[in-house]
Amino acid sequence: MRTLGAAGTALIRSFEKLELEAYLDQGHIPTIGWGHTGPEVALGQTCTVEQAGEWFVQDTQKAVNAVNASICVLLSPNQFDAVAAFTFNVGITAEGHSTLCKKVNTQDMAGAAAEFMKWVYVKGVRSAGLENRRAAERDLFLTP
């Protein structure tokens, strides 16, 4: 069972600013902590740094578990961290059904790397923030 490394953790945290009060993200989803979402998150809600850290561990573990379940080939630590960071952001279902996942599983790593940049839209509108995030994930994926 693979785990999220320091590079993946740093990448996620570089794009998920710690917020101790819930806010609406680009997709208008209530979010708190280090990018934590869910039915229990509501605007006006607050959390402690410790709670945000606990959610981060739980949320990244869900992404890691999903990648471990959907990817059936051996990945380098950087490739794994990049796909886990991608999954943390786009969600477990989206990653599991993505062409990126399919290309990784057929060992088309160049094709998989190109797939990151297709995930840069929020409700049909191109997002500069997501372009930067996907470029960082792709770059980590391609780093030996």
N, C-alpha and C. Protein backbone atom coordinates (compact mmCIF):
# COMPACT_ATOMS: atom_id res chain seq x y z
N MET A 1 0.85 -1.19 0.00
CA MET A 1 0.00 0.00 0.00
C MET A 1 0.89 1.23 0.00
N ARG A 2 0.70 2.05 -1.00
CA ARG A 2 1.48 3.27 -1.13
C ARG A 2 0.89 4.38 -0.26
N THR A 3 1.72 5.34 0.12
CA THR A 3 1.28 6.45 0.97
C THR A 3 1.68 7.77 0.33
N LEU A 4 1.04 8.84 0.78
CA LEU A 4 1.36 10.18 0.29
C LEU A 4 2.68 10.63 0.90
N GLY A 5 3.58 11.07 0.04
CA GLY A 5 4.88 11.53 0.51
C GLY A 5 4.91 13.03 0.77
N ALA A 6 6.08 13.49 1.15
CA ALA A 6 6.27 14.91 1.46
C ALA A 6 6.00 15.79 0.25
N ALA A 7 6.38 15.34 -0.95
CA ALA A 7 6.17 16.16 -2.15
C ALA A 7 4.68 16.34 -2.42
N GLY A 8 3.90 15.29 -2.26
CA GLY A 8 2.46 15.39 -2.48
C GLY A 8 1.79 16.26 -1.44
N THR A 9 2.18 16.10 -0.19
CA THR A 9 1.64 16.92 0.88
C THR A 9 1.94 18.40 0.63
N ALA A 10 3.19 18.68 0.27
CA ALA A 10 3.58 20.07 0.01
C ALA A 10 2.83 20.64 -1.19
N LEU A 11 2.63 19.84 -2.23
CA LEU A 11 1.91 20.32 -3.40
C LEU A 11 0.48 20.68 -3.04
N ILE A 12 -0.20 19.78 -2.35
CA ILE A 12 -1.60 20.05 -1.97
C ILE A 12 -1.67 21.31 -1.11
N ARG A 13 -0.82 21.39 -0.11
CA ARG A 13 -0.88 22.54 0.80
C ARG A 13 -0.47 23.85 0.13
N SER A 14 0.28 23.75 -0.95
CA SER A 14 0.66 24.99 -1.65
C SER A 14 -0.53 25.59 -2.39
N PHE A 15 -1.54 24.77 -2.68
CA PHE A 15 -2.73 25.27 -3.38
C PHE A 15 -3.95 25.37 -2.48
N GLU A 16 -3.93 24.73 -1.34
CA GLU A 16 -5.04 24.79 -0.38
C GLU A 16 -4.60 25.63 0.81
N LYS A 17 -4.95 26.89 0.77
CA LYS A 17 -4.58 27.78 1.88
C LYS A 17 -5.39 27.40 3.12
N LEU A 18 -4.74 27.37 4.26
CA LEU A 18 -5.43 27.06 5.51
C LEU A 18 -6.44 28.16 5.81
N GLU A 19 -7.71 27.76 5.91
CA GLU A 19 -8.80 28.68 6.24
C GLU A 19 -9.53 28.13 7.45
N LEU A 20 -9.57 28.90 8.51
CA LEU A 20 -10.21 28.45 9.75
C LEU A 20 -11.69 28.80 9.79
N GLU A 21 -12.19 29.50 8.77
CA GLU A 21 -13.62 29.77 8.64
C GLU A 21 -14.06 29.33 7.26
N ALA A 22 -15.19 28.64 7.19
CA ALA A 22 -15.68 28.11 5.92
C ALA A 22 -15.93 29.23 4.91
N TYR A 23 -15.64 28.93 3.66
CA TYR A 23 -15.81 29.86 2.55
C TYR A 23 -16.29 29.07 1.35
N LEU A 24 -16.73 29.77 0.31
CA LEU A 24 -17.12 29.11 -0.93
C LEU A 24 -15.91 29.07 -1.86
N ASP A 25 -15.56 27.86 -2.32
CA ASP A 25 -14.45 27.75 -3.26
C ASP A 25 -14.89 28.19 -4.66
N GLN A 26 -14.04 28.04 -5.65
CA GLN A 26 -14.35 28.48 -7.01
C GLN A 26 -15.62 27.83 -7.56
N GLY A 27 -15.90 26.63 -7.13
CA GLY A 27 -17.10 25.93 -7.59
C GLY A 27 -18.31 26.19 -6.70
N HIS A 28 -18.18 27.13 -5.77
CA HIS A 28 -19.23 27.50 -4.82
C HIS A 28 -19.56 26.36 -3.86
N ILE A 29 -18.52 25.61 -3.47
CA ILE A 29 -18.67 24.51 -2.51
C ILE A 29 -18.12 25.00 -1.18
N PRO A 30 -18.91 24.89 -0.09
CA PRO A 30 -18.39 25.27 1.22
C PRO A 30 -17.14 24.46 1.57
N THR A 31 -16.09 25.16 1.96
CA THR A 31 -14.77 24.56 2.19
C THR A 31 -14.18 25.17 3.45
N ILE A 32 -13.41 24.37 4.18
CA ILE A 32 -12.78 24.84 5.41
C ILE A 32 -11.47 24.08 5.61
N GLY A 33 -10.61 24.61 6.45
CA GLY A 33 -9.34 23.93 6.73
C GLY A 33 -8.43 23.96 5.52
N TRP A 34 -7.79 22.81 5.23
CA TRP A 34 -6.92 22.65 4.07
C TRP A 34 -7.71 22.04 2.93
N GLY A 35 -8.78 22.72 2.47
CA GLY A 35 -9.55 22.22 1.35
C GLY A 35 -10.56 21.15 1.71
N HIS A 36 -10.99 21.11 2.96
CA HIS A 36 -11.97 20.11 3.41
C HIS A 36 -13.37 20.51 2.98
N THR A 37 -14.08 19.56 2.34
CA THR A 37 -15.47 19.77 1.94
C THR A 37 -16.29 18.60 2.43
N GLY A 38 -17.57 18.74 2.36
CA GLY A 38 -18.47 17.65 2.75
C GLY A 38 -19.78 18.20 3.25
N PRO A 39 -20.75 17.33 3.46
CA PRO A 39 -22.07 17.80 3.87
C PRO A 39 -22.06 18.46 5.25
N GLU A 40 -21.03 18.20 6.04
CA GLU A 40 -20.96 18.79 7.39
C GLU A 40 -20.37 20.20 7.38
N VAL A 41 -19.89 20.67 6.22
CA VAL A 41 -19.27 22.00 6.14
C VAL A 41 -20.32 23.03 5.73
N ALA A 42 -20.42 24.10 6.51
CA ALA A 42 -21.39 25.16 6.23
C ALA A 42 -20.73 26.52 6.40
N LEU A 43 -21.18 27.48 5.63
CA LEU A 43 -20.66 28.84 5.76
C LEU A 43 -20.87 29.32 7.19
N GLY A 44 -19.89 30.05 7.70
CA GLY A 44 -19.94 30.53 9.08
C GLY A 44 -19.28 29.58 10.06
N GLN A 45 -19.09 28.35 9.65
CA GLN A 45 -18.44 27.35 10.51
C GLN A 45 -16.97 27.71 10.69
N THR A 46 -16.44 27.43 11.87
CA THR A 46 -15.02 27.64 12.14
C THR A 46 -14.40 26.33 12.61
N CYS A 47 -13.08 26.29 12.56
CA CYS A 47 -12.35 25.13 13.07
C CYS A 47 -11.03 25.60 13.66
N THR A 48 -10.39 24.71 14.38
CA THR A 48 -9.07 24.99 14.92
C THR A 48 -8.02 24.49 13.93
N VAL A 49 -6.79 24.91 14.14
CA VAL A 49 -5.69 24.41 13.31
C VAL A 49 -5.59 22.89 13.47
N GLU A 50 -5.81 22.41 14.69
CA GLU A 50 -5.73 20.97 14.94
C GLU A 50 -6.80 20.22 14.16
N GLN A 51 -8.03 20.74 14.16
CA GLN A 51 -9.11 20.09 13.41
C GLN A 51 -8.81 20.10 11.93
N ALA A 52 -8.30 21.22 11.43
CA ALA A 52 -7.94 21.31 10.01
C ALA A 52 -6.89 20.25 9.66
N GLY A 53 -5.94 20.07 10.56
CA GLY A 53 -4.91 19.05 10.35
C GLY A 53 -5.48 17.64 10.33
N GLU A 54 -6.43 17.37 11.23
CA GLU A 54 -7.07 16.05 11.26
C GLU A 54 -7.85 15.80 9.97
N TRP A 55 -8.59 16.80 9.52
CA TRP A 55 -9.34 16.66 8.26
C TRP A 55 -8.38 16.43 7.10
N PHE A 56 -7.27 17.15 7.10
CA PHE A 56 -6.29 17.00 6.02
C PHE A 56 -5.78 15.56 5.95
N VAL A 57 -5.45 15.00 7.09
CA VAL A 57 -4.98 13.61 7.12
C VAL A 57 -6.07 12.67 6.61
N GLN A 58 -7.30 12.87 7.07
CA GLN A 58 -8.41 12.01 6.63
C GLN A 58 -8.68 12.17 5.13
N ASP A 59 -8.71 13.40 4.67
CA ASP A 59 -9.02 13.67 3.26
C ASP A 59 -7.92 13.17 2.33
N THR A 60 -6.67 13.38 2.71
CA THR A 60 -5.59 12.88 1.85
C THR A 60 -5.56 11.36 1.88
N GLN A 61 -5.91 10.75 3.01
CA GLN A 61 -5.94 9.28 3.06
C GLN A 61 -7.02 8.72 2.14
N LYS A 62 -8.16 9.41 2.05
CA LYS A 62 -9.20 8.98 1.11
C LYS A 62 -8.68 9.03 -0.33
N ALA A 63 -7.96 10.08 -0.67
CA ALA A 63 -7.38 10.19 -2.01
C ALA A 63 -6.35 9.09 -2.24
N VAL A 64 -5.50 8.86 -1.26
CA VAL A 64 -4.49 7.80 -1.36
C VAL A 64 -5.15 6.44 -1.55
N ASN A 65 -6.18 6.16 -0.75
CA ASN A 65 -6.89 4.87 -0.87
C ASN A 65 -7.49 4.71 -2.26
N ALA A 66 -8.03 5.79 -2.80
CA ALA A 66 -8.63 5.74 -4.14
C ALA A 66 -7.58 5.45 -5.19
N VAL A 67 -6.44 6.10 -5.10
CA VAL A 67 -5.37 5.86 -6.07
C VAL A 67 -4.85 4.44 -5.94
N ASN A 68 -4.69 3.97 -4.72
CA ASN A 68 -4.26 2.58 -4.52
C ASN A 68 -5.25 1.60 -5.14
N ALA A 69 -6.53 1.94 -5.13
CA ALA A 69 -7.56 1.06 -5.68
C ALA A 69 -7.65 1.16 -7.21
N SER A 70 -7.40 2.33 -7.76
CA SER A 70 -7.64 2.54 -9.20
C SER A 70 -6.40 2.33 -10.06
N ILE A 71 -5.23 2.46 -9.49
CA ILE A 71 -3.99 2.33 -10.27
C ILE A 71 -3.39 0.95 -10.00
N CYS A 72 -3.19 0.20 -11.08
CA CYS A 72 -2.73 -1.19 -10.91
C CYS A 72 -1.29 -1.39 -11.40
N VAL A 73 -0.58 -0.30 -11.68
CA VAL A 73 0.81 -0.41 -12.09
C VAL A 73 1.68 0.29 -11.06
N LEU A 74 2.96 -0.04 -11.07
CA LEU A 74 3.89 0.57 -10.12
C LEU A 74 4.21 2.00 -10.55
N LEU A 75 4.06 2.92 -9.63
CA LEU A 75 4.38 4.32 -9.88
C LEU A 75 5.58 4.72 -9.03
N SER A 76 6.33 5.69 -9.53
CA SER A 76 7.39 6.27 -8.70
C SER A 76 6.71 7.06 -7.58
N PRO A 77 7.45 7.37 -6.52
CA PRO A 77 6.84 8.19 -5.45
C PRO A 77 6.29 9.51 -5.97
N ASN A 78 6.99 10.18 -6.88
CA ASN A 78 6.49 11.45 -7.41
C ASN A 78 5.25 11.26 -8.26
N GLN A 79 5.21 10.22 -9.07
CA GLN A 79 4.02 9.94 -9.87
C GLN A 79 2.83 9.67 -8.96
N PHE A 80 3.05 8.86 -7.94
CA PHE A 80 1.96 8.55 -7.00
C PHE A 80 1.46 9.82 -6.31
N ASP A 81 2.38 10.64 -5.81
CA ASP A 81 1.99 11.86 -5.12
C ASP A 81 1.22 12.80 -6.04
N ALA A 82 1.64 12.90 -7.30
CA ALA A 82 0.96 13.77 -8.25
C ALA A 82 -0.47 13.29 -8.49
N VAL A 83 -0.65 11.98 -8.67
CA VAL A 83 -2.00 11.46 -8.90
C VAL A 83 -2.85 11.59 -7.64
N ALA A 84 -2.26 11.38 -6.47
CA ALA A 84 -3.01 11.55 -5.22
C ALA A 84 -3.42 13.01 -5.02
N ALA A 85 -2.53 13.95 -5.34
CA ALA A 85 -2.87 15.37 -5.22
C ALA A 85 -4.00 15.73 -6.19
N PHE A 86 -3.94 15.21 -7.40
CA PHE A 86 -4.99 15.40 -8.40
C PHE A 86 -6.31 14.86 -7.86
N THR A 87 -6.28 13.65 -7.30
CA THR A 87 -7.48 13.01 -6.76
C THR A 87 -8.05 13.80 -5.59
N PHE A 88 -7.20 14.30 -4.72
CA PHE A 88 -7.64 15.14 -3.60
C PHE A 88 -8.48 16.29 -4.11
N ASN A 89 -8.08 16.87 -5.24
CA ASN A 89 -8.77 18.04 -5.77
C ASN A 89 -10.00 17.71 -6.61
N VAL A 90 -9.90 16.74 -7.50
CA VAL A 90 -11.02 16.47 -8.41
C VAL A 90 -12.03 15.50 -7.83
N GLY A 91 -11.61 14.72 -6.86
CA GLY A 91 -12.50 13.75 -6.24
C GLY A 91 -12.23 12.32 -6.69
N ILE A 92 -12.63 11.42 -5.84
CA ILE A 92 -12.36 9.99 -6.03
C ILE A 92 -13.05 9.45 -7.27
N THR A 93 -14.31 9.77 -7.46
CA THR A 93 -15.05 9.24 -8.60
C THR A 93 -14.47 9.76 -9.90
N ALA A 94 -14.19 11.05 -9.96
CA ALA A 94 -13.64 11.63 -11.18
C ALA A 94 -12.30 11.00 -11.53
N GLU A 95 -11.43 10.83 -10.56
CA GLU A 95 -10.12 10.22 -10.83
C GLU A 95 -10.28 8.79 -11.32
N GLY A 96 -11.10 8.02 -10.67
CA GLY A 96 -11.26 6.61 -11.01
C GLY A 96 -11.80 6.37 -12.40
N HIS A 97 -12.54 7.34 -12.93
CA HIS A 97 -13.13 7.21 -14.27
C HIS A 97 -12.39 8.04 -15.31
N SER A 98 -11.27 8.64 -14.92
CA SER A 98 -10.58 9.57 -15.81
C SER A 98 -9.71 8.86 -16.85
N THR A 99 -9.50 9.55 -17.95
CA THR A 99 -8.56 9.07 -18.96
C THR A 99 -7.16 9.06 -18.39
N LEU A 100 -6.85 9.99 -17.49
CA LEU A 100 -5.55 10.01 -16.83
C LEU A 100 -5.30 8.66 -16.17
N CYS A 101 -6.27 8.17 -15.41
CA CYS A 101 -6.15 6.88 -14.73
C CYS A 101 -5.98 5.74 -15.75
N LYS A 102 -6.77 5.77 -16.79
CA LYS A 102 -6.68 4.73 -17.82
C LYS A 102 -5.30 4.72 -18.48
N LYS A 103 -4.77 5.90 -18.77
CA LYS A 103 -3.45 5.98 -19.41
C LYS A 103 -2.35 5.51 -18.47
N VAL A 104 -2.44 5.85 -17.20
CA VAL A 104 -1.46 5.35 -16.23
C VAL A 104 -1.49 3.82 -16.22
N ASN A 105 -2.70 3.27 -16.17
CA ASN A 105 -2.82 1.81 -16.08
C ASN A 105 -2.37 1.07 -17.34
N THR A 106 -2.29 1.77 -18.47
CA THR A 106 -1.74 1.16 -19.68
C THR A 106 -0.27 1.56 -19.85
N GLN A 107 0.28 2.20 -18.83
CA GLN A 107 1.67 2.65 -18.78
C GLN A 107 2.01 3.65 -19.87
N ASP A 108 1.01 4.42 -20.30
CA ASP A 108 1.22 5.54 -21.22
C ASP A 108 1.45 6.78 -20.36
N MET A 109 2.65 6.88 -19.79
CA MET A 109 2.92 7.95 -18.83
C MET A 109 2.96 9.33 -19.49
N ALA A 110 3.44 9.42 -20.72
CA ALA A 110 3.43 10.71 -21.42
C ALA A 110 1.99 11.14 -21.67
N GLY A 111 1.15 10.20 -22.09
CA GLY A 111 -0.26 10.51 -22.31
C GLY A 111 -0.95 10.90 -21.02
N ALA A 112 -0.62 10.19 -19.93
CA ALA A 112 -1.21 10.52 -18.63
C ALA A 112 -0.80 11.92 -18.20
N ALA A 113 0.46 12.26 -18.39
CA ALA A 113 0.94 13.59 -18.00
C ALA A 113 0.17 14.68 -18.74
N ALA A 114 -0.13 14.44 -20.01
CA ALA A 114 -0.87 15.42 -20.80
C ALA A 114 -2.31 15.59 -20.31
N GLU A 115 -2.86 14.58 -19.67
CA GLU A 115 -4.24 14.62 -19.19
C GLU A 115 -4.45 15.63 -18.06
N PHE A 116 -3.43 15.88 -17.26
CA PHE A 116 -3.59 16.82 -16.14
C PHE A 116 -4.16 18.15 -16.62
N MET A 117 -3.66 18.64 -17.75
CA MET A 117 -4.03 19.98 -18.21
C MET A 117 -5.43 20.04 -18.80
N LYS A 118 -6.12 18.93 -18.88
CA LYS A 118 -7.52 18.93 -19.34
C LYS A 118 -8.49 19.23 -18.20
N TRP A 119 -7.99 19.21 -16.98
CA TRP A 119 -8.82 19.39 -15.78
C TRP A 119 -8.63 20.80 -15.21
N VAL A 120 -8.91 21.81 -16.01
CA VAL A 120 -8.64 23.20 -15.61
C VAL A 120 -9.90 24.07 -15.66
N TYR A 121 -11.06 23.45 -15.59
CA TYR A 121 -12.33 24.17 -15.70
C TYR A 121 -13.14 24.07 -14.42
N VAL A 122 -13.78 25.18 -14.08
CA VAL A 122 -14.74 25.23 -12.99
C VAL A 122 -16.07 25.64 -13.60
N LYS A 123 -17.00 24.71 -13.59
CA LYS A 123 -18.33 24.97 -14.17
C LYS A 123 -18.22 25.50 -15.60
N GLY A 124 -17.32 24.89 -16.38
CA GLY A 124 -17.17 25.24 -17.79
C GLY A 124 -16.28 26.43 -18.08
N VAL A 125 -15.76 27.07 -17.06
CA VAL A 125 -14.92 28.26 -17.25
C VAL A 125 -13.47 27.91 -16.88
N ARG A 126 -12.56 28.22 -17.79
CA ARG A 126 -11.14 27.95 -17.56
C ARG A 126 -10.65 28.75 -16.34
N SER A 127 -9.91 28.08 -15.46
CA SER A 127 -9.44 28.69 -14.23
C SER A 127 -7.92 28.77 -14.23
N ALA A 128 -7.38 29.97 -14.09
CA ALA A 128 -5.93 30.15 -14.02
C ALA A 128 -5.35 29.40 -12.81
N GLY A 129 -6.08 29.42 -11.70
CA GLY A 129 -5.63 28.71 -10.51
C GLY A 129 -5.50 27.22 -10.75
N LEU A 130 -6.49 26.65 -11.44
CA LEU A 130 -6.41 25.22 -11.75
C LEU A 130 -5.35 24.93 -12.80
N GLU A 131 -5.13 25.86 -13.72
CA GLU A 131 -4.04 25.66 -14.68
C GLU A 131 -2.71 25.55 -13.94
N ASN A 132 -2.49 26.43 -12.96
CA ASN A 132 -1.26 26.39 -12.18
C ASN A 132 -1.15 25.11 -11.37
N ARG A 133 -2.26 24.71 -10.77
CA ARG A 133 -2.27 23.49 -9.96
C ARG A 133 -1.98 22.26 -10.82
N ARG A 134 -2.66 22.16 -11.96
CA ARG A 134 -2.45 21.00 -12.84
C ARG A 134 -1.03 20.98 -13.40
N ALA A 135 -0.48 22.15 -13.71
CA ALA A 135 0.90 22.20 -14.19
C ALA A 135 1.85 21.69 -13.11
N ALA A 136 1.60 22.06 -11.86
CA ALA A 136 2.44 21.58 -10.75
C ALA A 136 2.30 20.07 -10.57
N GLU A 137 1.07 19.56 -10.67
CA GLU A 137 0.86 18.11 -10.56
C GLU A 137 1.56 17.38 -11.71
N ARG A 138 1.39 17.91 -12.91
CA ARG A 138 2.04 17.30 -14.09
C ARG A 138 3.56 17.32 -13.93
N ASP A 139 4.10 18.46 -13.49
CA ASP A 139 5.53 18.55 -13.33
C ASP A 139 6.05 17.56 -12.30
N LEU A 140 5.32 17.40 -11.20
CA LEU A 140 5.72 16.42 -10.19
C LEU A 140 5.63 15.01 -10.78
N PHE A 141 4.59 14.74 -11.53
CA PHE A 141 4.40 13.43 -12.17
C PHE A 141 5.58 13.10 -13.08
N LEU A 142 6.10 14.10 -13.76
CA LEU A 142 7.21 13.90 -14.71
C LEU A 142 8.60 13.97 -14.07
N THR A 143 8.66 14.30 -12.77
CA THR A 143 9.95 14.40 -12.08
C THR A 143 10.41 13.00 -11.65
N PRO A 144 11.59 12.59 -12.13
CA PRO A 144 12.10 11.24 -11.77
C PRO A 144 12.32 11.08 -10.28
